[in-house]
PDB file of N, CA and C in Angstrom:
ATOM      1  N   MET A   1       4.213   2.633  16.060  1.00  0.00           N
ATOM      2  CA  MET A   1       4.540   1.970  14.807  1.00  0.00           C
ATOM      3  C   MET A   1       3.328   1.154  14.350  1.00  0.00           C
ATOM      4  N   ALA A   2       3.043   1.187  13.081  1.00  0.00           N
ATOM      5  CA  ALA A   2       1.866   0.538  12.509  1.00  0.00           C
ATOM      6  C   ALA A   2       2.095  -0.939  12.214  1.00  0.00           C
ATOM      7  N   TYR A   3       1.006  -1.608  11.879  1.00  0.00           N
ATOM      8  CA  TYR A   3       1.087  -2.992  11.414  1.00  0.00           C
ATOM      9  C   TYR A   3       1.786  -3.008  10.067  1.00  0.00           C
ATOM     10  N   LYS A   4       2.290  -4.167   9.675  1.00  0.00           N
ATOM     11  CA  LYS A   4       3.029  -4.299   8.425  1.00  0.00           C
ATOM     12  C   LYS A   4       2.585  -5.567   7.701  1.00  0.00           C
ATOM     13  N   ILE A   5       2.513  -5.503   6.385  1.00  0.00           N
ATOM     14  CA  ILE A   5       2.168  -6.665   5.577  1.00  0.00           C
ATOM     15  C   ILE A   5       3.461  -7.241   5.004  1.00  0.00           C
ATOM     16  N   THR A   6       3.683  -8.521   5.249  1.00  0.00           N
ATOM     17  CA  THR A   6       4.906  -9.184   4.813  1.00  0.00           C
ATOM     18  C   THR A   6       4.769  -9.765   3.409  1.00  0.00           C
ATOM     19  N   ASP A   7       5.834 -10.364   2.930  1.00  0.00           N
ATOM     20  CA  ASP A   7       5.843 -10.973   1.598  1.00  0.00           C
ATOM     21  C   ASP A   7       4.942 -12.201   1.498  1.00  0.00           C
ATOM     22  N   GLU A   8       4.389 -12.656   2.613  1.00  0.00           N
ATOM     23  CA  GLU A   8       3.457 -13.787   2.600  1.00  0.00           C
ATOM     24  C   GLU A   8       2.095 -13.388   2.034  1.00  0.00           C
ATOM     25  N   CYS A   9       1.871 -12.102   1.842  1.00  0.00           N
ATOM     26  CA  CYS A   9       0.602 -11.588   1.318  1.00  0.00           C
ATOM     27  C   CYS A   9       0.343 -12.137  -0.077  1.00  0.00           C
ATOM     28  N   VAL A  10      -0.899 -12.591  -0.301  1.00  0.00           N
ATOM     29  CA  VAL A  10      -1.305 -13.100  -1.612  1.00  0.00           C
ATOM     30  C   VAL A  10      -2.334 -12.162  -2.278  1.00  0.00           C
ATOM     31  N   ALA A  11      -2.496 -10.972  -1.745  1.00  0.00           N
ATOM     32  CA  ALA A  11      -3.399  -9.949  -2.284  1.00  0.00           C
ATOM     33  C   ALA A  11      -4.832 -10.459  -2.436  1.00  0.00           C
ATOM     34  N   CYS A  12      -5.321 -11.159  -1.425  1.00  0.00           N
ATOM     35  CA  CYS A  12      -6.680 -11.710  -1.482  1.00  0.00           C
ATOM     36  C   CYS A  12      -7.747 -10.660  -1.190  1.00  0.00           C
ATOM     37  N   GLY A  13      -7.388  -9.582  -0.478  1.00  0.00           N
ATOM     38  CA  GLY A  13      -8.323  -8.504  -0.191  1.00  0.00           C
ATOM     39  C   GLY A  13      -9.101  -8.637   1.096  1.00  0.00           C
ATOM     40  N   THR A  14      -8.898  -9.699   1.835  1.00  0.00           N
ATOM     41  CA  THR A  14      -9.638  -9.907   3.081  1.00  0.00           C
ATOM     42  C   THR A  14      -9.406  -8.760   4.063  1.00  0.00           C
ATOM     43  N   CYS A  15      -8.210  -8.268   4.126  1.00  0.00           N
ATOM     44  CA  CYS A  15      -7.874  -7.205   5.070  1.00  0.00           C
ATOM     45  C   CYS A  15      -8.527  -5.868   4.726  1.00  0.00           C
ATOM     46  N   LEU A  16      -8.818  -5.642   3.453  1.00  0.00           N
ATOM     47  CA  LEU A  16      -9.429  -4.375   3.038  1.00  0.00           C
ATOM     48  C   LEU A  16     -10.744  -4.124   3.757  1.00  0.00           C
ATOM     49  N   ASP A  17     -11.596  -5.130   3.818  1.00  0.00           N
ATOM     50  CA  ASP A  17     -12.894  -4.988   4.472  1.00  0.00           C
ATOM     51  C   ASP A  17     -12.769  -4.868   5.986  1.00  0.00           C
ATOM     52  N   ALA A  18     -11.728  -5.454   6.546  1.00  0.00           N
ATOM     53  CA  ALA A  18     -11.554  -5.446   7.997  1.00  0.00           C
ATOM     54  C   ALA A  18     -10.989  -4.133   8.524  1.00  0.00           C
ATOM     55  N   CYS A  19     -10.308  -3.391   7.670  1.00  0.00           N
ATOM     56  CA  CYS A  19      -9.634  -2.159   8.118  1.00  0.00           C
ATOM     57  C   CYS A  19     -10.628  -1.014   8.218  1.00  0.00           C
ATOM     58  N   GLU A  20     -10.895  -0.584   9.448  1.00  0.00           N
ATOM     59  CA  GLU A  20     -11.859   0.482   9.669  1.00  0.00           C
ATOM     60  C   GLU A  20     -11.278   1.875   9.439  1.00  0.00           C
ATOM     61  N   SER A  21      -9.961   1.980   9.284  1.00  0.00           N
ATOM     62  CA  SER A  21      -9.355   3.292   9.066  1.00  0.00           C
ATOM     63  C   SER A  21      -8.861   3.480   7.624  1.00  0.00           C
ATOM     64  N   ASP A  22      -9.210   2.552   6.740  1.00  0.00           N
ATOM     65  CA  ASP A  22      -8.815   2.626   5.328  1.00  0.00           C
ATOM     66  C   ASP A  22      -7.315   2.790   5.148  1.00  0.00           C
ATOM     67  N   ALA A  23      -6.541   2.062   5.953  1.00  0.00           N
ATOM     68  CA  ALA A  23      -5.080   2.159   5.887  1.00  0.00           C
ATOM     69  C   ALA A  23      -4.456   1.160   4.925  1.00  0.00           C
ATOM     70  N   ILE A  24      -5.231   0.201   4.437  1.00  0.00           N
ATOM     71  CA  ILE A  24      -4.705  -0.820   3.531  1.00  0.00           C
ATOM     72  C   ILE A  24      -4.638  -0.256   2.116  1.00  0.00           C
ATOM     73  N   ILE A  25      -3.471  -0.410   1.491  1.00  0.00           N
ATOM     74  CA  ILE A  25      -3.265   0.051   0.124  1.00  0.00           C
ATOM     75  C   ILE A  25      -3.170  -1.169  -0.777  1.00  0.00           C
ATOM     76  N   GLU A  26      -4.062  -1.231  -1.754  1.00  0.00           N
ATOM     77  CA  GLU A  26      -4.131  -2.379  -2.651  1.00  0.00           C
ATOM     78  C   GLU A  26      -2.976  -2.337  -3.650  1.00  0.00           C
ATOM     79  N   GLY A  27      -2.284  -3.476  -3.754  1.00  0.00           N
ATOM     80  CA  GLY A  27      -1.206  -3.611  -4.721  1.00  0.00           C
ATOM     81  C   GLY A  27      -1.479  -4.796  -5.632  1.00  0.00           C
ATOM     82  N   ASP A  28      -0.717  -4.919  -6.699  1.00  0.00           N
ATOM     83  CA  ASP A  28      -0.924  -6.024  -7.632  1.00  0.00           C
ATOM     84  C   ASP A  28      -0.553  -7.368  -7.026  1.00  0.00           C
ATOM     85  N   GLU A  29       0.624  -7.439  -6.427  1.00  0.00           N
ATOM     86  CA  GLU A  29       1.109  -8.704  -5.891  1.00  0.00           C
ATOM     87  C   GLU A  29       0.986  -8.800  -4.383  1.00  0.00           C
ATOM     88  N   LYS A  30       1.003  -7.676  -3.690  1.00  0.00           N
ATOM     89  CA  LYS A  30       0.830  -7.655  -2.244  1.00  0.00           C
ATOM     90  C   LYS A  30       0.302  -6.303  -1.824  1.00  0.00           C
ATOM     91  N   TYR A  31      -0.342  -6.271  -0.686  1.00  0.00           N
ATOM     92  CA  TYR A  31      -0.902  -5.036  -0.159  1.00  0.00           C
ATOM     93  C   TYR A  31       0.093  -4.413   0.810  1.00  0.00           C
ATOM     94  N   SER A  32      -0.154  -3.165   1.179  1.00  0.00           N
ATOM     95  CA  SER A  32       0.682  -2.493   2.166  1.00  0.00           C
ATOM     96  C   SER A  32      -0.221  -1.693   3.102  1.00  0.00           C
ATOM     97  N   ILE A  33       0.368  -1.179   4.157  1.00  0.00           N
ATOM     98  CA  ILE A  33      -0.391  -0.424   5.150  1.00  0.00           C
ATOM     99  C   ILE A  33       0.186   0.975   5.265  1.00  0.00           C
ATOM    100  N   ASP A  34      -0.685   1.977   5.165  1.00  0.00           N
ATOM    101  CA  ASP A  34      -0.293   3.368   5.346  1.00  0.00           C
ATOM    102  C   ASP A  34      -0.132   3.599   6.845  1.00  0.00           C
ATOM    103  N   ALA A  35       1.106   3.756   7.293  1.00  0.00           N
ATOM    104  CA  ALA A  35       1.396   3.906   8.721  1.00  0.00           C
ATOM    105  C   ALA A  35       0.710   5.134   9.327  1.00  0.00           C
ATOM    106  N   GLY A  36       0.489   6.150   8.530  1.00  0.00           N
ATOM    107  CA  GLY A  36      -0.161   7.359   9.017  1.00  0.00           C
ATOM    108  C   GLY A  36      -1.640   7.178   9.296  1.00  0.00           C
ATOM    109  N   LYS A  37      -2.260   6.205   8.653  1.00  0.00           N
ATOM    110  CA  LYS A  37      -3.682   5.942   8.851  1.00  0.00           C
ATOM    111  C   LYS A  37      -3.948   4.781   9.807  1.00  0.00           C
ATOM    112  N   CYS A  38      -2.981   3.898   9.986  1.00  0.00           N
ATOM    113  CA  CYS A  38      -3.163   2.704  10.821  1.00  0.00           C
ATOM    114  C   CYS A  38      -3.387   3.091  12.276  1.00  0.00           C
ATOM    115  N   ILE A  39      -4.465   2.569  12.858  1.00  0.00           N
ATOM    116  CA  ILE A  39      -4.774   2.853  14.269  1.00  0.00           C
ATOM    117  C   ILE A  39      -4.369   1.687  15.173  1.00  0.00           C
ATOM    118  N   GLU A  40      -3.666   0.718  14.594  1.00  0.00           N
ATOM    119  CA  GLU A  40      -3.133  -0.431  15.336  1.00  0.00           C
ATOM    120  C   GLU A  40      -4.205  -1.233  16.067  1.00  0.00           C
ATOM    121  N   CYS A  41      -5.359  -1.412  15.423  1.00  0.00           N
ATOM    122  CA  CYS A  41      -6.444  -2.173  16.050  1.00  0.00           C
ATOM    123  C   CYS A  41      -6.236  -3.681  15.928  1.00  0.00           C
ATOM    124  N   GLY A  42      -5.511  -4.114  14.880  1.00  0.00           N
ATOM    125  CA  GLY A  42      -5.226  -5.531  14.698  1.00  0.00           C
ATOM    126  C   GLY A  42      -6.270  -6.322  13.950  1.00  0.00           C
ATOM    127  N   GLU A  43      -7.340  -5.669  13.518  1.00  0.00           N
ATOM    128  CA  GLU A  43      -8.399  -6.380  12.797  1.00  0.00           C
ATOM    129  C   GLU A  43      -7.876  -7.021  11.516  1.00  0.00           C
ATOM    130  N   CYS A  44      -7.009  -6.334  10.811  1.00  0.00           N
ATOM    131  CA  CYS A  44      -6.469  -6.869   9.555  1.00  0.00           C
ATOM    132  C   CYS A  44      -5.672  -8.151   9.805  1.00  0.00           C
ATOM    133  N   ALA A  45      -4.869  -8.142  10.849  1.00  0.00           N
ATOM    134  CA  ALA A  45      -4.067  -9.326  11.182  1.00  0.00           C
ATOM    135  C   ALA A  45      -4.951 -10.488  11.613  1.00  0.00           C
ATOM    136  N   ASP A  46      -6.035 -10.187  12.297  1.00  0.00           N
ATOM    137  CA  ASP A  46      -6.948 -11.235  12.770  1.00  0.00           C
ATOM    138  C   ASP A  46      -7.625 -11.982  11.623  1.00  0.00           C
ATOM    139  N   VAL A  47      -7.901 -11.290  10.513  1.00  0.00           N
ATOM    140  CA  VAL A  47      -8.623 -11.926   9.419  1.00  0.00           C
ATOM    141  C   VAL A  47      -7.726 -12.450   8.294  1.00  0.00           C
ATOM    142  N   CYS A  48      -6.455 -12.133   8.318  1.00  0.00           N
ATOM    143  CA  CYS A  48      -5.551 -12.523   7.228  1.00  0.00           C
ATOM    144  C   CYS A  48      -5.388 -14.045   7.182  1.00  0.00           C
ATOM    145  N   PRO A  49      -5.784 -14.680   6.067  1.00  0.00           N
ATOM    146  CA  PRO A  49      -5.717 -16.141   5.985  1.00  0.00           C
ATOM    147  C   PRO A  49      -4.297 -16.704   5.864  1.00  0.00           C
ATOM    148  N   THR A  50      -3.336 -15.863   5.471  1.00  0.00           N
ATOM    149  CA  THR A  50      -1.955 -16.347   5.333  1.00  0.00           C
ATOM    150  C   THR A  50      -1.051 -15.858   6.455  1.00  0.00           C
ATOM    151  N   GLU A  51      -1.649 -15.162   7.448  1.00  0.00           N
ATOM    152  CA  GLU A  51      -0.907 -14.602   8.570  1.00  0.00           C
ATOM    153  C   GLU A  51       0.237 -13.721   8.098  1.00  0.00           C
ATOM    154  N   ALA A  52      -0.036 -12.922   7.061  1.00  0.00           N
ATOM    155  CA  ALA A  52       0.971 -12.073   6.447  1.00  0.00           C
ATOM    156  C   ALA A  52       1.073 -10.700   7.094  1.00  0.00           C
ATOM    157  N   ILE A  53       0.224 -10.421   8.079  1.00  0.00           N
ATOM    158  CA  ILE A  53       0.231  -9.105   8.714  1.00  0.00           C
ATOM    159  C   ILE A  53       0.769  -9.242  10.136  1.00  0.00           C
ATOM    160  N   ILE A  54       1.811  -8.450  10.400  1.00  0.00           N
ATOM    161  CA  ILE A  54       2.443  -8.515  11.718  1.00  0.00           C
ATOM    162  C   ILE A  54       2.240  -7.203  12.455  1.00  0.00           C
ATOM    163  N   GLY A  55       2.188  -7.315  13.756  1.00  0.00           N
ATOM    164  CA  GLY A  55       1.966  -6.152  14.604  1.00  0.00           C
ATOM    165  C   GLY A  55       3.231  -5.386  14.871  1.00  0.00           C
ATOM    166  N   PRO A  56       3.095  -4.244  15.516  1.00  0.00           N
ATOM    167  CA  PRO A  56       4.233  -3.359  15.786  1.00  0.00           C
ATOM    168  C   PRO A  56       5.310  -4.017  16.661  1.00  0.00           C
ATOM    169  N   ASP A  57       4.941  -4.996  17.453  1.00  0.00           N
ATOM    170  CA  ASP A  57       5.897  -5.642  18.345  1.00  0.00           C
ATOM    171  C   ASP A  57       6.558  -6.859  17.726  1.00  0.00           C
ATOM    172  N   GLU A  58       6.137  -7.258  16.532  1.00  0.00           N
ATOM    173  CA  GLU A  58       6.693  -8.427  15.864  1.00  0.00           C
ATOM    174  C   GLU A  58       7.729  -8.025  14.833  1.00  0.00           C
ATOM    175  N   LYS A  59       8.614  -8.938  14.512  1.00  0.00           N
ATOM    176  CA  LYS A  59       9.643  -8.627  13.499  1.00  0.00           C
ATOM    177  C   LYS A  59       9.498  -9.466  12.286  1.00  0.00           C
TER     178      LYS A  59
END
């Protein structure tokens, strides 16, 4: 299961540069993650300033 972006996302774009597999999909109000491309490295969650990205083991 891939990482997930929650409603805490403010669409700042920080995660876009951190994602080495181009799994982040840019949205107007919040971003999302393409589960098929996510390699579960956690880089996006590490750089998210609002802690809006949760890992596969989190709810």
